C-alpha cells in the first residue's frame, strides 16, 4: 500500500478509536434523566449499562470467523454502520429502542476492539506501539469528553438526554465517511492454520494476557 493509503488508514484507525467508548460512557451521567423519562428501575438501568460489555464478550468471539469472509476493512465498516444505527435508534425508540440500540452499539464497538489491533499489526508493523498507544489514548480522551459533556448538553444546552446522546451519531457518520476509501483497498490474504485456536488455548501467555485484561476491567 502506498504511503498516502497508509496515512488515510492510520487516520481512520484513530478516528474509530474516538468512537469506540464515547457513545457507551455517555449514558452513565444521564441515568437519572433516562430513568425518569422512561420510568425504568435501577436494576434495569444497571442492565442497560452492562449490556455493551456483554456484547463485547459475546460478539468478539464471532469477529475472527467473520473477518476472513468479508475482510477486515469491510467488516470494520459494517461495525461503524452498527454503531451508527444504534446511536440513531437509542434516543428515540423508547425503551425497546434504548436497549436494541445499546446492543447494536456494543456489537459495533466489539468489531473495532478485535480488528483495530490486527490491522495495526498487519499494516504498520514498524509502528505497532506508537499507533496502539495513539488509538488507545483517543479512546480514553473521548471517553472523558463524553462523560463530561453529557449532562451540560442535556441541561445547559437544552437538548435533553435524547439530544445529548444523539450528538455521537454525527461523529460516527464522519468516521464512516473517512473510512469509505478503505473499502477500495485490497485485503491482505492470510493462510489460516488448522488447529490455531487449540494452540492458542494451550499457550500460557494467552491466559496471562486474558487474566490481566480481565483484572483491568
C-alpha atoms as a PDB file:
ATOM      1  CA  UNK A   1       0.000   0.000   0.000  1.00  0.00           C
ATOM      2  CA  UNK A   2       1.250   3.479  -0.833  1.00  0.00           C
ATOM      3  CA  UNK A   3       2.189   5.952   1.886  1.00  0.00           C
ATOM      4  CA  UNK A   4      -0.932   8.017   1.140  1.00  0.00           C
ATOM      5  CA  UNK A   5      -3.128   4.966   1.626  1.00  0.00           C
ATOM      6  CA  UNK A   6      -1.349   4.069   4.847  1.00  0.00           C
ATOM      7  CA  UNK A   7      -1.781   7.626   6.080  1.00  0.00           C
ATOM      8  CA  UNK A   8      -5.519   7.508   5.435  1.00  0.00           C
ATOM      9  CA  UNK A   9      -5.726   4.134   7.145  1.00  0.00           C
ATOM     10  CA  UNK A  10      -3.893   5.465  10.193  1.00  0.00           C
ATOM     11  CA  UNK A  11      -6.183   8.494  10.378  1.00  0.00           C
ATOM     12  CA  UNK A  12      -9.208   6.232  10.033  1.00  0.00           C
ATOM     13  CA  UNK A  13      -7.983   3.996  12.859  1.00  0.00           C
ATOM     14  CA  UNK A  14      -7.525   6.986  15.177  1.00  0.00           C
ATOM     15  CA  UNK A  15     -10.983   8.353  14.359  1.00  0.00           C
ATOM     16  CA  UNK A  16     -12.536   4.959  15.024  1.00  0.00           C
ATOM     17  CA  UNK A  17     -10.743   4.946  18.376  1.00  0.00           C
ATOM     18  CA  UNK A  18     -12.550   8.187  19.210  1.00  0.00           C
ATOM     19  CA  UNK A  19     -15.865   6.418  18.818  1.00  0.00           C
ATOM     20  CA  UNK A  20     -15.396   3.017  20.437  1.00  0.00           C
ATOM     21  CA  UNK A  21     -16.111   4.058  24.031  1.00  0.00           C
ATOM     22  CA  UNK A  22     -17.625   7.554  23.989  1.00  0.00           C
ATOM     23  CA  UNK A  23     -21.203   6.522  22.986  1.00  0.00           C
ATOM     24  CA  UNK A  24     -21.190   3.929  25.763  1.00  0.00           C
ATOM     25  CA  UNK A  25     -19.711   6.126  28.501  1.00  0.00           C
ATOM     26  CA  UNK A  26     -22.135   8.957  27.654  1.00  0.00           C
ATOM     27  CA  UNK A  27     -25.084   7.017  29.111  1.00  0.00           C
ATOM     28  CA  UNK A  28     -23.942   6.862  32.742  1.00  0.00           C
ATOM     29  CA  UNK A  29     -24.161  10.582  33.572  1.00  0.00           C
ATOM     30  CA  UNK A  30     -27.652  10.709  32.005  1.00  0.00           C
ATOM     31  CA  UNK A  31     -29.011   7.804  34.034  1.00  0.00           C
ATOM     32  CA  UNK A  32     -31.311   9.950  36.213  1.00  0.00           C
ATOM     33  CA  UNK A  33     -32.912  11.638  33.207  1.00  0.00           C
ATOM     34  CA  UNK A  34     -33.411   8.349  31.350  1.00  0.00           C
ATOM     35  CA  UNK A  35     -34.934   6.651  34.392  1.00  0.00           C
ATOM     36  CA  UNK A  36     -37.385   9.468  34.985  1.00  0.00           C
ATOM     37  CA  UNK A  37     -38.409   9.804  31.360  1.00  0.00           C
ATOM     38  CA  UNK A  38     -38.869   6.088  30.625  1.00  0.00           C
ATOM     39  CA  UNK A  39     -39.853   5.044  34.169  1.00  0.00           C
ATOM     40  CA  UNK A  40     -37.090   2.469  34.486  1.00  0.00           C
ATOM     41  CA  UNK A  41     -35.918   0.858  37.702  1.00  0.00           C
ATOM     42  CA  UNK A  42     -32.371   0.985  38.975  1.00  0.00           C
ATOM     43  CA  UNK A  43     -31.816  -2.680  38.167  1.00  0.00           C
ATOM     44  CA  UNK A  44     -32.975  -2.173  34.575  1.00  0.00           C
ATOM     45  CA  UNK A  45     -30.605   0.769  34.209  1.00  0.00           C
ATOM     46  CA  UNK A  46     -27.838  -1.379  35.641  1.00  0.00           C
ATOM     47  CA  UNK A  47     -28.522  -3.968  32.973  1.00  0.00           C
ATOM     48  CA  UNK A  48     -28.526  -1.247  30.306  1.00  0.00           C
ATOM     49  CA  UNK A  49     -25.048  -0.060  31.267  1.00  0.00           C
ATOM     50  CA  UNK A  50     -23.814  -3.670  31.410  1.00  0.00           C
ATOM     51  CA  UNK A  51     -25.270  -4.609  28.017  1.00  0.00           C
ATOM     52  CA  UNK A  52     -22.361  -3.241  25.917  1.00  0.00           C
ATOM     53  CA  UNK A  53     -19.898  -5.283  27.981  1.00  0.00           C
ATOM     54  CA  UNK A  54     -21.968  -8.431  27.418  1.00  0.00           C
ATOM     55  CA  UNK A  55     -21.967  -7.620  23.700  1.00  0.00           C
ATOM     56  CA  UNK A  56     -18.175  -7.261  23.834  1.00  0.00           C
ATOM     57  CA  UNK A  57     -17.823 -10.689  25.402  1.00  0.00           C
ATOM     58  CA  UNK A  58     -20.240 -12.491  23.065  1.00  0.00           C
ATOM     59  CA  UNK A  59     -19.760 -10.762  19.721  1.00  0.00           C
ATOM     60  CA  UNK A  60     -15.972 -10.561  19.946  1.00  0.00           C
ATOM     61  CA  UNK A  61     -15.887 -14.352  19.623  1.00  0.00           C
ATOM     62  CA  UNK A  62     -17.638 -14.141  16.234  1.00  0.00           C
ATOM     63  CA  UNK A  63     -15.436 -11.461  14.677  1.00  0.00           C
ATOM     64  CA  UNK A  64     -12.427 -13.729  13.860  1.00  0.00           C
ATOM     65  CA  UNK A  65     -14.701 -16.047  11.881  1.00  0.00           C
ATOM     66  CA  UNK A  66     -16.381 -13.154  10.030  1.00  0.00           C
ATOM     67  CA  UNK A  67     -13.172 -11.308   9.104  1.00  0.00           C
ATOM     68  CA  UNK A  68     -11.853 -13.902   6.573  1.00  0.00           C
ATOM     69  CA  UNK A  69     -15.218 -13.884   4.800  1.00  0.00           C
ATOM     70  CA  UNK A  70     -15.676 -10.120   4.444  1.00  0.00           C
ATOM     71  CA  UNK A  71     -12.192  -8.750   5.062  1.00  0.00           C
ATOM     72  CA  UNK A  72     -11.058  -6.565   7.927  1.00  0.00           C
ATOM     73  CA  UNK A  73     -11.771  -3.238   6.258  1.00  0.00           C
ATOM     74  CA  UNK A  74     -15.265  -4.118   5.078  1.00  0.00           C
ATOM     75  CA  UNK A  75     -16.171  -5.730   8.389  1.00  0.00           C
ATOM     76  CA  UNK A  76     -14.938  -2.621  10.204  1.00  0.00           C
ATOM     77  CA  UNK A  77     -17.233  -0.531   8.009  1.00  0.00           C
ATOM     78  CA  UNK A  78     -20.158  -2.786   8.928  1.00  0.00           C
ATOM     79  CA  UNK A  79     -19.209  -2.243  12.567  1.00  0.00           C
ATOM     80  CA  UNK A  80     -19.407   1.512  12.048  1.00  0.00           C
ATOM     81  CA  UNK A  81     -22.853   1.082  10.480  1.00  0.00           C
ATOM     82  CA  UNK A  82     -23.941  -0.906  13.546  1.00  0.00           C
ATOM     83  CA  UNK A  83     -22.674   1.901  15.761  1.00  0.00           C
ATOM     84  CA  UNK A  84     -24.452   4.495  13.652  1.00  0.00           C
ATOM     85  CA  UNK A  85     -27.745   2.603  13.611  1.00  0.00           C
ATOM     86  CA  UNK A  86     -27.620   2.015  17.352  1.00  0.00           C
ATOM     87  CA  UNK A  87     -26.835   5.648  18.100  1.00  0.00           C
ATOM     88  CA  UNK A  88     -29.765   6.827  15.960  1.00  0.00           C
ATOM     89  CA  UNK A  89     -32.228   4.296  17.397  1.00  0.00           C
ATOM     90  CA  UNK A  90     -31.223   4.545  21.059  1.00  0.00           C
ATOM     91  CA  UNK A  91     -32.514   8.041  21.970  1.00  0.00           C
ATOM     92  CA  UNK A  92     -35.820   7.987  20.107  1.00  0.00           C
ATOM     93  CA  UNK A  93     -37.023   4.373  20.087  1.00  0.00           C
ATOM     94  CA  UNK A  94     -38.479   4.325  23.581  1.00  0.00           C
ATOM     95  CA  UNK A  95     -37.482   1.561  25.977  1.00  0.00           C
ATOM     96  CA  UNK A  96     -37.195  -1.010  23.182  1.00  0.00           C
ATOM     97  CA  UNK A  97     -35.031   1.257  21.039  1.00  0.00           C
ATOM     98  CA  UNK A  98     -32.887   2.147  24.030  1.00  0.00           C
ATOM     99  CA  UNK A  99     -31.897  -1.472  24.624  1.00  0.00           C
ATOM    100  CA  UNK A 100     -31.665  -2.611  20.998  1.00  0.00           C
ATOM    101  CA  UNK A 101     -29.676   0.489  20.108  1.00  0.00           C
ATOM    102  CA  UNK A 102     -27.319  -0.071  23.028  1.00  0.00           C
ATOM    103  CA  UNK A 103     -26.851  -3.705  21.977  1.00  0.00           C
ATOM    104  CA  UNK A 104     -26.046  -2.617  18.404  1.00  0.00           C
ATOM    105  CA  UNK A 105     -23.528  -0.097  19.726  1.00  0.00           C
ATOM    106  CA  UNK A 106     -21.861  -2.788  21.825  1.00  0.00           C
ATOM    107  CA  UNK A 107     -21.624  -5.168  18.851  1.00  0.00           C
ATOM    108  CA  UNK A 108     -20.241  -2.438  16.583  1.00  0.00           C
ATOM    109  CA  UNK A 109     -17.637  -1.464  19.161  1.00  0.00           C
ATOM    110  CA  UNK A 110     -16.714  -5.139  19.640  1.00  0.00           C
ATOM    111  CA  UNK A 111     -15.779  -5.351  15.959  1.00  0.00           C
ATOM    112  CA  UNK A 112     -13.426  -2.406  16.383  1.00  0.00           C
ATOM    113  CA  UNK A 113     -11.979  -3.868  19.573  1.00  0.00           C
ATOM    114  CA  UNK A 114     -10.944  -7.015  17.706  1.00  0.00           C
ATOM    115  CA  UNK A 115      -9.988  -5.657  14.285  1.00  0.00           C
ATOM    116  CA  UNK A 116      -8.028  -2.483  15.047  1.00  0.00           C
ATOM    117  CA  UNK A 117      -5.071  -4.194  16.782  1.00  0.00           C
ATOM    118  CA  UNK A 118      -4.940  -6.726  13.928  1.00  0.00           C
ATOM    119  CA  UNK A 119      -4.925  -4.031  11.240  1.00  0.00           C
ATOM    120  CA  UNK A 120      -2.238  -2.063  13.067  1.00  0.00           C
ATOM    121  CA  UNK A 121      -0.064  -5.171  13.296  1.00  0.00           C
ATOM    122  CA  UNK A 122      -0.574  -6.055   9.612  1.00  0.00           C
ATOM    123  CA  UNK A 123      -0.216  -2.618   8.012  1.00  0.00           C
ATOM    124  CA  UNK A 124       2.084  -0.813  10.440  1.00  0.00           C
ATOM    125  CA  UNK A 125       4.500  -3.499  11.661  1.00  0.00           C
ATOM    126  CA  UNK A 126       7.167  -0.891  12.492  1.00  0.00           C
ATOM    127  CA  UNK A 127       4.793   1.426  14.398  1.00  0.00           C
ATOM    128  CA  UNK A 128       2.688  -1.038  16.369  1.00  0.00           C
ATOM    129  CA  UNK A 129       3.478   0.508  19.748  1.00  0.00           C
ATOM    130  CA  UNK A 130       3.029   4.083  18.542  1.00  0.00           C
ATOM    131  CA  UNK A 131      -0.314   3.563  16.793  1.00  0.00           C
ATOM    132  CA  UNK A 132      -1.668   1.299  19.519  1.00  0.00           C
ATOM    133  CA  UNK A 133      -0.815   3.959  22.086  1.00  0.00           C
ATOM    134  CA  UNK A 134      -2.380   6.713  19.975  1.00  0.00           C
ATOM    135  CA  UNK A 135      -5.684   4.965  19.318  1.00  0.00           C
ATOM    136  CA  UNK A 136      -5.894   3.832  22.945  1.00  0.00           C
ATOM    137  CA  UNK A 137      -5.304   7.443  24.002  1.00  0.00           C
ATOM    138  CA  UNK A 138      -8.070   8.686  21.694  1.00  0.00           C
ATOM    139  CA  UNK A 139     -10.463   6.193  23.283  1.00  0.00           C
ATOM    140  CA  UNK A 140      -9.565   7.416  26.757  1.00  0.00           C
ATOM    141  CA  UNK A 141      -9.717  11.116  25.866  1.00  0.00           C
ATOM    142  CA  UNK A 142     -13.084  10.893  24.129  1.00  0.00           C
ATOM    143  CA  UNK A 143     -14.460   8.729  26.934  1.00  0.00           C
ATOM    144  CA  UNK A 144     -13.624  11.551  29.327  1.00  0.00           C
ATOM    145  CA  UNK A 145     -15.146  14.108  26.979  1.00  0.00           C
ATOM    146  CA  UNK A 146     -18.343  12.063  26.647  1.00  0.00           C
ATOM    147  CA  UNK A 147     -18.703  11.711  30.399  1.00  0.00           C
ATOM    148  CA  UNK A 148     -18.020  15.406  30.906  1.00  0.00           C
ATOM    149  CA  UNK A 149     -20.330  16.933  28.316  1.00  0.00           C
ATOM    150  CA  UNK A 150     -23.362  14.620  28.511  1.00  0.00           C
ATOM    151  CA  UNK A 151     -25.164  16.465  31.327  1.00  0.00           C
ATOM    152  CA  UNK A 152     -24.210  20.001  30.209  1.00  0.00           C
ATOM    153  CA  UNK A 153     -25.545  19.230  26.718  1.00  0.00           C
ATOM    154  CA  UNK A 154     -28.753  17.818  28.185  1.00  0.00           C
ATOM    155  CA  UNK A 155     -29.366  20.582  30.736  1.00  0.00           C
ATOM    156  CA  UNK A 156     -27.482  23.739  29.779  1.00  0.00           C
ATOM    157  CA  UNK A 157     -27.694  23.053  26.074  1.00  0.00           C
ATOM    158  CA  UNK A 158     -31.389  22.286  26.290  1.00  0.00           C
ATOM    159  CA  UNK A 159     -31.030  19.088  24.273  1.00  0.00           C
ATOM    160  CA  UNK A 160     -32.418  16.680  26.853  1.00  0.00           C
ATOM    161  CA  UNK A 161     -30.921  13.234  27.259  1.00  0.00           C
ATOM    162  CA  UNK A 162     -32.052  12.252  23.758  1.00  0.00           C
ATOM    163  CA  UNK A 163     -30.249  15.141  22.104  1.00  0.00           C
ATOM    164  CA  UNK A 164     -27.188  14.652  24.277  1.00  0.00           C
ATOM    165  CA  UNK A 165     -26.860  11.035  23.135  1.00  0.00           C
ATOM    166  CA  UNK A 166     -27.640  11.954  19.531  1.00  0.00           C
ATOM    167  CA  UNK A 167     -24.505  14.049  19.066  1.00  0.00           C
ATOM    168  CA  UNK A 168     -22.439  10.877  18.836  1.00  0.00           C
ATOM    169  CA  UNK A 169     -24.052   9.578  15.663  1.00  0.00           C
ATOM    170  CA  UNK A 170     -22.776  12.703  13.905  1.00  0.00           C
ATOM    171  CA  UNK A 171     -19.208  11.725  14.826  1.00  0.00           C
ATOM    172  CA  UNK A 172     -19.821   8.133  13.713  1.00  0.00           C
ATOM    173  CA  UNK A 173     -21.148   9.338  10.370  1.00  0.00           C
ATOM    174  CA  UNK A 174     -17.993  11.410   9.854  1.00  0.00           C
ATOM    175  CA  UNK A 175     -15.808   8.427  10.779  1.00  0.00           C
ATOM    176  CA  UNK A 176     -17.708   6.158   8.368  1.00  0.00           C
ATOM    177  CA  UNK A 177     -17.140   8.660   5.549  1.00  0.00           C
ATOM    178  CA  UNK A 178     -13.423   8.820   6.395  1.00  0.00           C
ATOM    179  CA  UNK A 179     -13.315   5.001   6.297  1.00  0.00           C
ATOM    180  CA  UNK A 180     -15.001   4.685   2.876  1.00  0.00           C
ATOM    181  CA  UNK A 181     -11.725   4.812   0.858  1.00  0.00           C
ATOM    182  CA  UNK A 182     -10.553   1.708   2.742  1.00  0.00           C
ATOM    183  CA  UNK A 183     -13.261  -0.355   1.055  1.00  0.00           C
ATOM    184  CA  UNK A 184     -11.371   0.025  -2.237  1.00  0.00           C
ATOM    185  CA  UNK A 185      -8.109  -1.242  -0.788  1.00  0.00           C
ATOM    186  CA  UNK A 186      -7.171  -4.910  -1.353  1.00  0.00           C
ATOM    187  CA  UNK A 187      -7.250  -7.108   1.710  1.00  0.00           C
ATOM    188  CA  UNK A 188      -4.174  -8.925   2.862  1.00  0.00           C
ATOM    189  CA  UNK A 189      -4.562 -12.634   2.269  1.00  0.00           C
ATOM    190  CA  UNK A 190      -3.700 -14.844   5.204  1.00  0.00           C
ATOM    191  CA  UNK A 191      -3.359 -18.555   5.395  1.00  0.00           C
ATOM    192  CA  UNK A 192      -5.402 -19.955   8.220  1.00  0.00           C
ATOM    193  CA  UNK A 193      -3.706 -22.684  10.138  1.00  0.00           C
ATOM    194  CA  UNK A 194      -5.780 -25.606  11.260  1.00  0.00           C
ATOM    195  CA  UNK A 195      -5.936 -26.033  14.988  1.00  0.00           C
ATOM    196  CA  UNK A 196      -4.829 -22.438  15.628  1.00  0.00           C
ATOM    197  CA  UNK A 197      -7.495 -21.881  18.311  1.00  0.00           C
ATOM    198  CA  UNK A 198      -6.474 -25.106  20.019  1.00  0.00           C
ATOM    199  CA  UNK A 199      -2.850 -23.964  20.032  1.00  0.00           C
ATOM    200  CA  UNK A 200      -3.832 -20.582  21.444  1.00  0.00           C
ATOM    201  CA  UNK A 201      -5.764 -22.161  24.304  1.00  0.00           C
ATOM    202  CA  UNK A 202      -2.683 -24.212  25.203  1.00  0.00           C
ATOM    203  CA  UNK A 203      -0.379 -21.178  25.250  1.00  0.00           C
ATOM    204  CA  UNK A 204       0.280 -19.876  28.797  1.00  0.00           C
ATOM    205  CA  UNK A 205       0.948 -16.325  27.562  1.00  0.00           C
ATOM    206  CA  UNK A 206      -2.574 -16.147  26.108  1.00  0.00           C
ATOM    207  CA  UNK A 207      -4.091 -16.938  29.504  1.00  0.00           C
ATOM    208  CA  UNK A 208      -1.768 -14.495  31.267  1.00  0.00           C
ATOM    209  CA  UNK A 209      -2.843 -11.672  28.958  1.00  0.00           C
ATOM    210  CA  UNK A 210      -6.505 -12.708  29.268  1.00  0.00           C
ATOM    211  CA  UNK A 211      -6.445 -12.588  33.064  1.00  0.00           C
ATOM    212  CA  UNK A 212      -4.502  -9.319  33.043  1.00  0.00           C
ATOM    213  CA  UNK A 213      -7.024  -7.621  30.760  1.00  0.00           C
ATOM    214  CA  UNK A 214      -9.872  -9.115  32.780  1.00  0.00           C
ATOM    215  CA  UNK A 215      -8.464  -7.729  36.022  1.00  0.00           C
ATOM    216  CA  UNK A 216      -8.203  -4.300  34.396  1.00  0.00           C
ATOM    217  CA  UNK A 217     -11.887  -4.436  33.541  1.00  0.00           C
END
